[in-house]
C-alpha cells in the first residue's frame, strides 16, 4: 500500500473540502472573501493532487481524492451544517471507504 499516495490524496481531498465549506458559507452569506478563500483552497488542493499523479495513475488518484472528499464533506455537512445522513447515505459512504482501500492495493 502506497502510504505517501494516500497521504497526498487525503490532504488534497481535505483541502478541497475546506474549499467546499467556504463555498457553502459564501452561498449562504455572499461575502466575497469566502469565495476567494474557496478558490485558494481549491488551488492548493489541485497542486497537491498533481503531486499524487507522480505516484498513481490519474484515474485512480482522482477517484481516491473524490472518495476522501465525499466522506469529509458528508461528515462536515452532518456536523457543521446539520444536514441529514440516512441509512442509504451511510451505506454508500461505507462502500466509498472500501473503494479507497481497493483502489490503493
N, C-alpha and C. Protein backbone atom coordinates (compact mmCIF):
# COMPACT_ATOMS: atom_id res chain seq x y z
N UNK A 1 0.86 -1.18 0.00
CA UNK A 1 0.00 0.00 0.00
C UNK A 1 0.90 1.24 0.00
N UNK A 2 0.62 2.16 -0.88
CA UNK A 2 1.41 3.37 -1.02
C UNK A 2 0.88 4.44 -0.06
N UNK A 3 1.51 4.54 1.10
CA UNK A 3 1.04 5.46 2.14
C UNK A 3 1.26 6.92 1.77
N UNK A 4 2.32 7.21 1.03
CA UNK A 4 2.56 8.59 0.61
C UNK A 4 1.45 9.04 -0.34
N UNK A 5 1.09 8.16 -1.27
CA UNK A 5 -0.03 8.49 -2.17
C UNK A 5 -1.30 8.73 -1.38
N UNK A 6 -1.60 7.84 -0.42
CA UNK A 6 -2.81 8.01 0.39
C UNK A 6 -2.78 9.32 1.14
N UNK A 7 -1.63 9.68 1.69
CA UNK A 7 -1.49 10.95 2.41
C UNK A 7 -1.74 12.12 1.48
N UNK A 8 -1.15 12.09 0.29
CA UNK A 8 -1.36 13.17 -0.68
C UNK A 8 -2.82 13.26 -1.11
N UNK A 9 -3.44 12.11 -1.38
CA UNK A 9 -4.84 12.11 -1.80
C UNK A 9 -5.75 12.59 -0.68
N UNK A 10 -5.47 12.17 0.55
CA UNK A 10 -6.28 12.61 1.68
C UNK A 10 -6.11 14.11 1.91
N UNK A 11 -4.88 14.59 1.84
CA UNK A 11 -4.63 16.02 2.03
C UNK A 11 -5.32 16.83 0.95
N UNK A 12 -5.22 16.38 -0.29
CA UNK A 12 -5.89 17.06 -1.38
C UNK A 12 -7.40 17.06 -1.18
N UNK A 13 -7.94 15.91 -0.80
CA UNK A 13 -9.38 15.83 -0.54
C UNK A 13 -9.81 16.75 0.58
N UNK A 14 -9.02 16.84 1.63
CA UNK A 14 -9.36 17.72 2.75
C UNK A 14 -9.26 19.19 2.36
N UNK A 15 -8.27 19.53 1.53
CA UNK A 15 -8.17 20.91 1.05
C UNK A 15 -9.37 21.28 0.18
N UNK A 16 -9.79 20.35 -0.67
CA UNK A 16 -11.00 20.60 -1.46
C UNK A 16 -12.23 20.71 -0.55
N UNK A 17 -12.24 19.95 0.52
CA UNK A 17 -13.36 20.01 1.47
C UNK A 17 -13.42 21.37 2.15
N UNK A 18 -12.27 21.90 2.56
CA UNK A 18 -12.24 23.24 3.16
C UNK A 18 -12.74 24.26 2.13
N UNK A 19 -12.33 24.10 0.88
CA UNK A 19 -12.85 24.97 -0.17
C UNK A 19 -14.36 24.85 -0.30
N UNK A 20 -14.87 23.63 -0.21
CA UNK A 20 -16.32 23.42 -0.27
C UNK A 20 -17.04 24.12 0.88
N UNK A 21 -16.44 24.08 2.07
CA UNK A 21 -17.05 24.73 3.23
C UNK A 21 -17.12 26.23 3.02
N UNK A 22 -16.03 26.84 2.55
CA UNK A 22 -16.06 28.28 2.28
C UNK A 22 -17.07 28.62 1.19
N UNK A 23 -17.20 27.75 0.20
CA UNK A 23 -18.18 27.99 -0.86
C UNK A 23 -19.61 27.90 -0.33
N UNK A 24 -19.85 26.97 0.60
CA UNK A 24 -21.17 26.85 1.22
C UNK A 24 -21.49 28.11 2.04
N UNK A 25 -20.48 28.59 2.81
CA UNK A 25 -20.69 29.83 3.57
C UNK A 25 -20.96 31.00 2.62
N UNK A 26 -20.22 31.04 1.50
CA UNK A 26 -20.44 32.11 0.52
C UNK A 26 -21.86 32.03 -0.04
N UNK A 27 -22.33 30.83 -0.32
CA UNK A 27 -23.68 30.65 -0.87
C UNK A 27 -24.73 31.14 0.11
N UNK A 28 -24.47 31.00 1.40
CA UNK A 28 -25.44 31.43 2.42
C UNK A 28 -25.35 32.91 2.74
N UNK A 29 -24.15 33.51 2.63
CA UNK A 29 -23.97 34.89 3.07
C UNK A 29 -23.44 35.84 2.00
N UNK A 30 -22.84 35.31 0.95
CA UNK A 30 -22.33 36.09 -0.18
C UNK A 30 -21.26 37.11 0.18
N UNK A 31 -20.34 36.74 1.06
CA UNK A 31 -19.18 37.59 1.32
C UNK A 31 -18.10 37.22 0.31
N UNK A 32 -17.57 38.20 -0.43
CA UNK A 32 -16.60 37.89 -1.48
C UNK A 32 -15.34 37.17 -0.97
N UNK A 33 -14.89 37.47 0.25
CA UNK A 33 -13.68 36.84 0.75
C UNK A 33 -13.87 35.32 0.91
N UNK A 34 -15.10 34.89 1.16
CA UNK A 34 -15.35 33.46 1.29
C UNK A 34 -15.17 32.75 -0.05
N UNK A 35 -15.59 33.38 -1.12
CA UNK A 35 -15.39 32.82 -2.45
C UNK A 35 -13.89 32.78 -2.77
N UNK A 36 -13.17 33.84 -2.42
CA UNK A 36 -11.73 33.88 -2.67
C UNK A 36 -11.01 32.78 -1.88
N UNK A 37 -11.40 32.57 -0.63
CA UNK A 37 -10.79 31.51 0.16
C UNK A 37 -11.10 30.14 -0.42
N UNK A 38 -12.31 29.95 -0.91
CA UNK A 38 -12.68 28.68 -1.54
C UNK A 38 -11.76 28.40 -2.72
N UNK A 39 -11.56 29.38 -3.59
CA UNK A 39 -10.70 29.20 -4.75
C UNK A 39 -9.25 28.95 -4.34
N UNK A 40 -8.79 29.62 -3.26
CA UNK A 40 -7.43 29.41 -2.78
C UNK A 40 -7.24 27.96 -2.33
N UNK A 41 -8.19 27.43 -1.57
CA UNK A 41 -8.07 26.05 -1.11
C UNK A 41 -8.20 25.06 -2.27
N UNK A 42 -9.05 25.38 -3.25
CA UNK A 42 -9.12 24.52 -4.44
C UNK A 42 -7.79 24.51 -5.19
N UNK A 43 -7.16 25.67 -5.30
CA UNK A 43 -5.88 25.77 -5.99
C UNK A 43 -4.81 24.95 -5.28
N UNK A 44 -4.70 25.10 -3.96
CA UNK A 44 -3.71 24.34 -3.20
C UNK A 44 -4.00 22.84 -3.28
N UNK A 45 -5.29 22.48 -3.17
CA UNK A 45 -5.67 21.08 -3.29
C UNK A 45 -5.31 20.51 -4.65
N UNK A 46 -5.46 21.31 -5.70
CA UNK A 46 -5.10 20.87 -7.05
C UNK A 46 -3.61 20.65 -7.20
N UNK A 47 -2.81 21.48 -6.56
CA UNK A 47 -1.36 21.30 -6.61
C UNK A 47 -0.96 20.01 -5.91
N UNK A 48 -1.55 19.76 -4.73
CA UNK A 48 -1.26 18.52 -4.00
C UNK A 48 -1.72 17.32 -4.83
N UNK A 49 -2.87 17.43 -5.47
CA UNK A 49 -3.35 16.35 -6.34
C UNK A 49 -2.35 16.07 -7.46
N UNK A 50 -1.77 17.13 -8.01
CA UNK A 50 -0.76 16.97 -9.05
C UNK A 50 0.42 16.13 -8.58
N UNK A 51 0.85 16.33 -7.34
CA UNK A 51 1.95 15.52 -6.80
C UNK A 51 1.53 14.06 -6.64
N UNK A 52 0.25 13.83 -6.36
CA UNK A 52 -0.21 12.44 -6.22
C UNK A 52 -0.17 11.72 -7.56
N UNK A 53 -0.26 12.47 -8.68
CA UNK A 53 -0.17 11.86 -10.01
C UNK A 53 1.20 11.23 -10.24
N UNK A 54 2.21 11.69 -9.51
CA UNK A 54 3.54 11.10 -9.64
C UNK A 54 3.59 9.69 -9.07
N UNK A 55 2.62 9.35 -8.22
CA UNK A 55 2.64 8.08 -7.52
C UNK A 55 1.63 7.07 -8.05
N UNK A 56 0.55 7.55 -8.68
CA UNK A 56 -0.51 6.67 -9.19
C UNK A 56 -1.02 7.22 -10.51
N UNK A 57 -1.75 6.38 -11.24
CA UNK A 57 -2.38 6.81 -12.48
C UNK A 57 -3.44 7.87 -12.17
N UNK A 58 -3.72 8.71 -13.14
CA UNK A 58 -4.64 9.82 -12.93
C UNK A 58 -6.04 9.34 -12.53
N UNK A 59 -6.53 8.29 -13.16
CA UNK A 59 -7.88 7.81 -12.85
C UNK A 59 -7.98 7.33 -11.41
N UNK A 60 -6.98 6.62 -10.94
CA UNK A 60 -7.01 6.14 -9.56
C UNK A 60 -6.83 7.31 -8.59
N UNK A 61 -5.91 8.21 -8.89
CA UNK A 61 -5.67 9.35 -7.99
C UNK A 61 -6.92 10.21 -7.83
N UNK A 62 -7.58 10.51 -8.93
CA UNK A 62 -8.78 11.35 -8.86
C UNK A 62 -9.91 10.60 -8.15
N UNK A 63 -10.04 9.30 -8.41
CA UNK A 63 -11.10 8.53 -7.74
C UNK A 63 -10.90 8.51 -6.24
N UNK A 64 -9.66 8.31 -5.80
CA UNK A 64 -9.38 8.28 -4.36
C UNK A 64 -9.59 9.67 -3.76
N UNK A 65 -9.17 10.72 -4.45
CA UNK A 65 -9.42 12.08 -3.98
C UNK A 65 -10.90 12.33 -3.79
N UNK A 66 -11.70 11.95 -4.78
CA UNK A 66 -13.14 12.16 -4.70
C UNK A 66 -13.74 11.37 -3.55
N UNK A 67 -13.24 10.17 -3.31
CA UNK A 67 -13.73 9.37 -2.18
C UNK A 67 -13.45 10.08 -0.86
N UNK A 68 -12.21 10.54 -0.68
CA UNK A 68 -11.87 11.26 0.55
C UNK A 68 -12.73 12.52 0.69
N UNK A 69 -12.89 13.26 -0.40
CA UNK A 69 -13.69 14.48 -0.38
C UNK A 69 -15.15 14.18 -0.04
N UNK A 70 -15.69 13.14 -0.61
CA UNK A 70 -17.08 12.77 -0.36
C UNK A 70 -17.31 12.42 1.10
N UNK A 71 -16.40 11.64 1.67
CA UNK A 71 -16.53 11.27 3.08
C UNK A 71 -16.42 12.51 3.97
N UNK A 72 -15.41 13.34 3.71
CA UNK A 72 -15.20 14.53 4.53
C UNK A 72 -16.36 15.51 4.42
N UNK A 73 -16.84 15.75 3.20
CA UNK A 73 -17.96 16.68 3.01
C UNK A 73 -19.22 16.15 3.70
N UNK A 74 -19.44 14.86 3.63
CA UNK A 74 -20.62 14.29 4.28
C UNK A 74 -20.56 14.46 5.79
N UNK A 75 -19.40 14.22 6.36
CA UNK A 75 -19.24 14.38 7.81
C UNK A 75 -19.39 15.84 8.21
N UNK A 76 -18.76 16.74 7.48
CA UNK A 76 -18.86 18.17 7.77
C UNK A 76 -20.29 18.66 7.59
N UNK A 77 -20.95 18.23 6.52
CA UNK A 77 -22.34 18.64 6.29
C UNK A 77 -23.25 18.19 7.42
N UNK A 78 -23.00 16.99 7.91
CA UNK A 78 -23.81 16.46 9.01
C UNK A 78 -23.54 17.20 10.31
N UNK A 79 -22.27 17.43 10.62
CA UNK A 79 -21.93 18.03 11.92
C UNK A 79 -22.05 19.56 11.92
N UNK A 80 -21.55 20.20 10.89
CA UNK A 80 -21.49 21.67 10.88
C UNK A 80 -22.76 22.32 10.35
N UNK A 81 -23.33 21.74 9.30
CA UNK A 81 -24.49 22.35 8.67
C UNK A 81 -25.81 21.65 9.01
N UNK A 82 -25.74 20.64 9.88
CA UNK A 82 -26.93 19.90 10.34
C UNK A 82 -27.72 19.28 9.20
N UNK A 83 -26.99 18.82 8.16
CA UNK A 83 -27.64 18.13 7.06
C UNK A 83 -27.82 16.66 7.45
N UNK A 84 -28.82 16.02 6.90
CA UNK A 84 -29.15 14.66 7.33
C UNK A 84 -28.35 13.62 6.54
N UNK A 85 -28.10 12.52 7.21
CA UNK A 85 -27.48 11.34 6.59
C UNK A 85 -28.37 10.15 6.92
N UNK A 86 -28.98 9.58 5.91
CA UNK A 86 -29.83 8.42 6.11
C UNK A 86 -29.03 7.13 6.01
N UNK A 87 -29.73 6.04 6.16
CA UNK A 87 -29.09 4.73 6.10
C UNK A 87 -28.43 4.49 4.75
N UNK A 88 -29.10 4.89 3.66
CA UNK A 88 -28.52 4.70 2.33
C UNK A 88 -27.23 5.50 2.18
N UNK A 89 -27.21 6.72 2.71
CA UNK A 89 -26.01 7.54 2.60
C UNK A 89 -24.86 6.93 3.41
N UNK A 90 -25.15 6.43 4.61
CA UNK A 90 -24.12 5.82 5.44
C UNK A 90 -23.58 4.55 4.77
N UNK A 91 -24.47 3.75 4.19
CA UNK A 91 -24.02 2.56 3.46
C UNK A 91 -23.16 2.94 2.26
N UNK A 92 -23.59 3.97 1.54
CA UNK A 92 -22.82 4.44 0.40
C UNK A 92 -21.44 4.93 0.80
N UNK A 93 -21.35 5.66 1.91
CA UNK A 93 -20.06 6.13 2.39
C UNK A 93 -19.17 4.97 2.84
N UNK A 94 -19.78 3.94 3.37
CA UNK A 94 -19.02 2.74 3.73
C UNK A 94 -18.42 2.09 2.49
N UNK A 95 -19.20 2.03 1.42
CA UNK A 95 -18.69 1.49 0.16
C UNK A 95 -17.57 2.36 -0.40
N UNK A 96 -17.68 3.67 -0.21
CA UNK A 96 -16.63 4.58 -0.66
C UNK A 96 -15.34 4.29 0.09
N UNK A 97 -15.44 4.06 1.40
CA UNK A 97 -14.24 3.74 2.19
C UNK A 97 -13.61 2.44 1.70
N UNK A 98 -14.43 1.47 1.36
CA UNK A 98 -13.92 0.20 0.82
C UNK A 98 -13.25 0.45 -0.53
N UNK A 99 -13.84 1.33 -1.34
CA UNK A 99 -13.26 1.64 -2.64
C UNK A 99 -11.86 2.25 -2.50
N UNK A 100 -11.67 3.11 -1.51
CA UNK A 100 -10.34 3.71 -1.28
C UNK A 100 -9.33 2.59 -1.03
N UNK A 101 -9.70 1.63 -0.19
CA UNK A 101 -8.80 0.52 0.12
C UNK A 101 -8.50 -0.30 -1.14
N UNK A 102 -9.53 -0.63 -1.90
CA UNK A 102 -9.34 -1.47 -3.08
C UNK A 102 -8.49 -0.75 -4.14
N UNK A 103 -8.76 0.54 -4.36
CA UNK A 103 -8.00 1.27 -5.38
C UNK A 103 -6.55 1.47 -5.01
N UNK A 104 -6.23 1.40 -3.74
CA UNK A 104 -4.85 1.65 -3.32
C UNK A 104 -4.05 0.36 -3.11
N UNK A 105 -4.66 -0.80 -3.34
CA UNK A 105 -3.90 -2.03 -3.14
C UNK A 105 -3.33 -2.54 -4.44
